[in-house]
Each structure stands twice: as C-alpha cells, then as structure tokens.
Protein backbone atom coordinates (compact mmCIF):
# COMPACT_ATOMS: atom_id res chain seq x y z
CA MET A 1 -1.08 22.48 -2.76
CA ASP A 2 1.81 24.80 -4.27
CA LYS A 3 3.33 23.04 -7.16
CA ALA A 4 6.69 25.14 -6.36
CA ALA A 5 6.70 23.58 -3.02
CA PRO A 6 10.16 21.75 -2.26
CA SER A 7 10.45 18.07 -2.36
CA THR A 8 10.87 15.77 0.67
CA LEU A 9 11.47 12.64 -1.14
CA PRO A 10 12.70 10.16 -0.54
CA PRO A 11 10.60 9.82 2.61
CA ALA A 12 12.27 8.98 6.12
CA ALA A 13 10.97 6.14 7.97
CA VAL A 14 7.78 7.03 9.89
CA THR A 15 5.13 5.32 12.12
CA LEU A 16 1.52 6.18 11.26
CA GLN A 17 -1.37 5.17 13.54
CA GLY A 18 -5.11 5.62 13.23
CA ARG A 19 -7.84 3.82 15.22
CA HIS A 20 -7.93 0.38 13.36
CA ALA A 21 -4.26 0.30 12.22
CA LEU A 22 -0.58 0.79 12.94
CA LEU A 23 1.93 1.31 10.11
CA GLU A 24 5.57 0.69 11.54
CA PRO A 25 8.76 0.65 9.64
CA LEU A 26 9.30 -2.86 8.33
CA THR A 27 12.33 -4.91 9.78
CA LEU A 28 13.60 -8.51 9.70
CA ALA A 29 12.25 -8.90 13.13
CA HIS A 30 8.49 -8.80 11.44
CA GLU A 31 9.40 -12.08 9.50
CA ALA A 32 7.85 -14.72 11.85
CA GLN A 33 4.65 -12.72 12.20
CA ALA A 34 4.35 -11.97 8.54
CA ILE A 35 4.53 -15.62 7.91
CA THR A 36 1.74 -16.42 10.21
CA ALA A 37 -0.21 -13.44 8.66
CA VAL A 38 0.26 -14.80 4.99
CA GLN A 39 -1.01 -18.35 5.67
CA ASP A 40 -4.15 -16.49 6.67
CA GLY A 41 -5.92 -17.34 3.20
CA GLN A 42 -2.88 -18.98 1.51
CA LEU A 43 -2.36 -15.84 -0.15
CA TRP A 44 0.76 -16.50 -2.28
CA GLU A 45 -1.37 -18.85 -4.14
CA LEU A 46 -3.36 -16.23 -6.06
CA TRP A 47 -1.81 -16.47 -9.59
CA TYR A 48 -2.56 -12.66 -10.31
CA THR A 49 -0.54 -11.27 -7.53
CA SER A 50 3.04 -11.38 -6.34
CA ILE A 51 2.45 -12.13 -2.74
CA PRO A 52 5.58 -13.74 -0.45
CA SER A 53 5.05 -17.37 0.48
CA PRO A 54 6.38 -18.39 3.93
CA GLN A 55 9.50 -19.55 2.12
CA THR A 56 10.40 -16.56 0.61
CA MET A 57 9.24 -14.10 3.14
CA ARG A 58 12.70 -13.33 4.47
CA SER A 59 14.20 -12.73 0.97
CA GLU A 60 11.13 -10.49 0.15
CA ILE A 61 11.61 -8.26 3.63
CA GLU A 62 15.56 -7.96 2.50
CA ARG A 63 14.25 -6.89 -1.08
CA ARG A 64 12.20 -4.09 0.40
CA LEU A 65 14.77 -3.06 2.76
CA SER A 66 17.36 -2.88 0.16
CA LEU A 67 15.31 -0.69 -2.14
CA GLN A 68 14.63 1.43 1.07
CA ALA A 69 18.53 1.76 1.47
CA LYS A 70 18.58 3.23 -2.30
CA GLY A 71 15.76 5.79 -1.66
CA SER A 72 12.98 4.13 -3.93
CA MET A 73 10.85 2.27 -1.55
CA LEU A 74 9.71 2.82 2.18
CA PRO A 75 8.13 -0.43 3.51
CA PHE A 76 5.81 -0.76 6.27
CA ALA A 77 4.40 -3.58 8.35
CA VAL A 78 0.85 -3.17 8.84
CA ARG A 79 -0.52 -4.11 12.51
CA GLU A 80 -4.18 -4.21 13.67
CA LEU A 81 -5.10 -2.16 16.97
CA LYS A 82 -6.83 -3.63 19.70
CA SER A 83 -10.05 -2.16 20.79
CA ASP A 84 -8.06 -0.17 23.70
CA GLY A 85 -5.63 1.20 21.04
CA THR A 86 -2.62 -1.32 21.76
CA PRO A 87 -0.85 -2.91 18.97
CA GLY A 88 -2.32 -6.63 17.95
CA ARG A 89 -1.26 -9.14 15.59
CA LEU A 90 0.66 -8.21 12.33
CA ALA A 91 -2.08 -7.90 9.33
CA GLY A 92 0.17 -7.48 6.30
CA MET A 93 2.65 -4.96 4.57
CA THR A 94 2.36 -2.12 2.33
CA THR A 95 4.84 0.29 0.54
CA PHE A 96 5.74 3.66 -0.71
CA MET A 97 7.40 2.43 -4.07
CA ASN A 98 8.83 3.62 -7.31
CA ILE A 99 9.53 7.00 -5.36
CA ASP A 100 10.17 9.73 -7.86
CA ALA A 101 11.72 12.61 -5.94
CA THR A 102 12.35 14.79 -8.89
CA ASN A 103 8.78 14.67 -10.07
CA ARG A 104 7.42 14.35 -6.51
CA ARG A 105 5.41 10.92 -7.39
CA LEU A 106 5.30 7.76 -5.63
CA GLU A 107 3.14 4.68 -5.90
CA ILE A 108 1.32 2.87 -3.00
CA GLY A 109 1.92 -0.89 -3.60
CA SER A 110 3.26 -4.15 -2.82
CA THR A 111 0.34 -4.51 -0.41
CA TRP A 112 -1.09 -7.58 1.06
CA TYR A 113 -3.19 -8.02 3.94
CA ARG A 114 -4.49 -11.57 5.80
CA GLN A 115 -7.60 -12.64 4.61
CA SER A 116 -9.55 -11.96 7.98
CA VAL A 117 -9.16 -8.40 7.52
CA GLN A 118 -9.75 -7.78 4.08
CA ARG A 119 -12.70 -5.45 3.31
CA THR A 120 -12.63 -4.08 6.75
CA ALA A 121 -11.94 -0.48 7.97
CA LEU A 122 -8.15 -1.38 8.31
CA ASN A 123 -7.36 -1.07 4.54
CA THR A 124 -9.41 2.06 4.21
CA GLU A 125 -7.54 3.56 7.18
CA CYS A 126 -4.28 2.51 5.87
CA LYS A 127 -4.81 4.13 2.57
CA LEU A 128 -5.89 7.32 4.15
CA MET A 129 -3.00 7.51 6.25
CA LEU A 130 -0.43 6.78 3.60
CA LEU A 131 -2.27 9.25 1.10
CA SER A 132 -2.33 12.06 4.02
CA HIS A 133 1.37 11.67 4.50
CA ALA A 134 2.18 11.69 0.90
CA PHE A 135 0.11 14.55 -0.02
CA ASP A 136 0.22 16.63 3.24
CA SER A 137 3.64 15.73 4.72
CA LEU A 138 5.85 14.87 1.47
CA ASN A 139 4.15 17.31 -0.86
CA CYS A 140 3.46 14.99 -3.59
CA ILE A 141 2.01 15.83 -6.91
CA ALA A 142 0.39 12.41 -7.48
CA VAL A 143 0.20 9.02 -6.19
CA GLU A 144 -0.08 5.81 -8.35
CA PHE A 145 -1.83 2.66 -7.65
CA ARG A 146 -1.10 -0.12 -10.30
CA THR A 147 -2.40 -3.69 -10.04
CA HIS A 148 -3.04 -6.79 -12.33
CA PHE A 149 -5.81 -6.32 -15.05
CA PHE A 150 -7.47 -9.87 -13.63
CA ASN A 151 -7.16 -8.66 -9.84
CA HIS A 152 -10.62 -7.35 -9.99
CA GLN A 153 -10.91 -7.27 -6.30
CA SER A 154 -7.85 -4.93 -6.00
CA ARG A 155 -9.13 -2.83 -9.02
CA ARG A 156 -12.52 -2.47 -7.15
CA GLY A 157 -10.62 -1.35 -3.98
CA ILE A 158 -8.60 1.22 -5.88
CA GLU A 159 -11.41 2.72 -7.51
CA ARG A 160 -13.51 2.99 -4.14
CA LEU A 161 -10.63 5.04 -3.08
CA GLY A 162 -11.37 7.68 -5.66
CA ALA A 163 -8.44 6.85 -7.94
CA LYS A 164 -8.92 7.30 -11.59
CA LEU A 165 -7.82 4.96 -14.36
CA ASP A 166 -4.74 6.51 -16.27
CA GLY A 167 -4.81 3.67 -18.72
CA VAL A 168 -3.71 -0.04 -19.10
CA LEU A 169 -0.24 -0.91 -19.86
CA ARG A 170 -0.58 -4.22 -22.11
CA SER A 171 1.84 -7.05 -21.93
CA HIS A 172 3.80 -5.03 -19.22
CA GLN A 173 5.40 -7.23 -17.17
CA LEU A 174 6.21 -11.43 -17.18
CA SER A 175 4.54 -12.90 -14.14
CA PRO A 176 6.45 -15.48 -12.02
CA ASN A 177 4.12 -18.42 -13.80
CA GLY A 178 5.34 -17.23 -17.40
CA SER A 179 2.25 -15.33 -18.34
CA LEU A 180 1.96 -11.81 -19.57
CA ARG A 181 0.73 -9.29 -17.13
CA ASP A 182 -1.43 -6.35 -18.31
CA THR A 183 -1.15 -3.42 -15.73
CA CYS A 184 -3.76 -1.06 -14.93
CA VAL A 185 -2.54 2.23 -13.68
CA TYR A 186 -4.61 4.42 -11.40
CA SER A 187 -3.78 7.67 -9.53
CA ILE A 188 -4.92 10.43 -7.55
CA ILE A 189 -3.45 13.92 -8.18
CA ALA A 190 -3.24 16.75 -5.60
CA SER A 191 -5.99 18.67 -6.59
CA GLU A 192 -8.07 15.67 -6.08
CA TRP A 193 -6.81 14.99 -2.91
CA PRO A 194 -9.21 17.42 -0.62
CA THR A 195 -12.34 15.48 -2.08
CA VAL A 196 -10.63 12.00 -1.61
CA LYS A 197 -9.65 12.62 1.82
CA THR A 198 -13.35 13.80 2.79
CA HIS A 199 -14.38 10.62 0.91
CA LEU A 200 -12.45 8.50 2.87
CA THR A 201 -13.00 9.96 6.27
CA HIS A 202 -16.69 9.61 5.48
CA GLN A 203 -16.28 5.77 4.68
CA LEU A 204 -14.56 5.33 8.12
CA ALA A 205 -16.99 7.15 10.10
CA LYS A 206 -19.81 4.86 8.48
CA PRO A 207 -21.08 1.89 10.78
CA ARG A 208 -19.92 -1.74 9.12
CA SER A 209 -21.91 -4.74 9.34
C-alpha cells in the first residue's frame, strides 16, 4: 500500500456481506434482537469484559451512535446468514473504534457474539471483512485489537488472526467492578495484510467439524 495514499477516514456507514455473516450499520432498531442475542450465554456476567446487559443495551447502542456522530466509531450489528444467503438472527455487535484519521489507524473492538456462534466461521469472516475494508478501502496503515490481559479466549482469537502483540498497558483502565485492567495491545500493519488475508481466507475454506 502507498503510504502517501489519501485518508478515507472517518469511514462512511457501509454494509459488508460474506457467506456466513452480514455486517450492517447499527441502529436503535436492533435493540430488541441484541437483547435476545446477549442472553445467549449471559455474556455480560464475564467480569473481564464490558458487554452490555439487557438493561443497558439501549444506552450502549446510543453511546456507539454518539461516537459515530463524532467520527471516532463506526458500529455494526452482526447478523447470521441462512444457508440460502438470506439474513438470519442477530449474532452480536462489532465496531471500528478509536478512529485516527490523521494517522490512518483504527481499532476493531467492542465486539461480542452470542455464545452459540462463538468459535465458528462467523467471527473469522467478520474479521476478514472488517480488515479488508480497513486496508483495501480505507487505506489504513495499521489496525489494532485490544483486550483484557485475563481474557485468554479473546487473546487466542486475536493471535489466530495473525495479529502481533505490541505490548501490555499495565493498570490501563478501571473496570466497572473496580479492579484495574491490564490491556493487551495487538496490531496488524499494512505490509502484513496480504499474508494475513491469505491466512484468513484459507481458514474459512477449511472444513469445520
């Protein structure tokens, strides 16, 4: 990628579709379906994550839309696709966040999926679509991923993408329960993207048990 390429950040709302998943612009109309999705696994009970509860879902959607209006976030609702390619149930949410237009960087985060679709092709495909859009359409120099030090499932998933650990921000944030969060920062840079893309495409093509 040409490092002098013009920035296309902050990004405009867009719909991204694959074979397993559909990423559509998040709206307040997704609230009821998101509440149903987050109850699959009681996801908000995990102490090392910040996943909205049914009671806080509306305020969380409003928060994401407010950040979108300021140009620092682009939130998506994640929807499963049925075998015939038509949209199915809501599976979760994800975002482009901490968008830095000047330095052409962003983070993929604030992601959660209903428990029944975790460790399936859906997450891999969502990351492939988001990374493709970030590097190929938005001319990003780097894409970050951040997670709690103790969120080992998330860390393994990020590492399987091909992202590299930049470092750990110690005592980085106060968690809602009052504990201090050490944040692991990973990234994929533009020169690594062709290899990562090949890797993720291969992973999606592999048969799954």
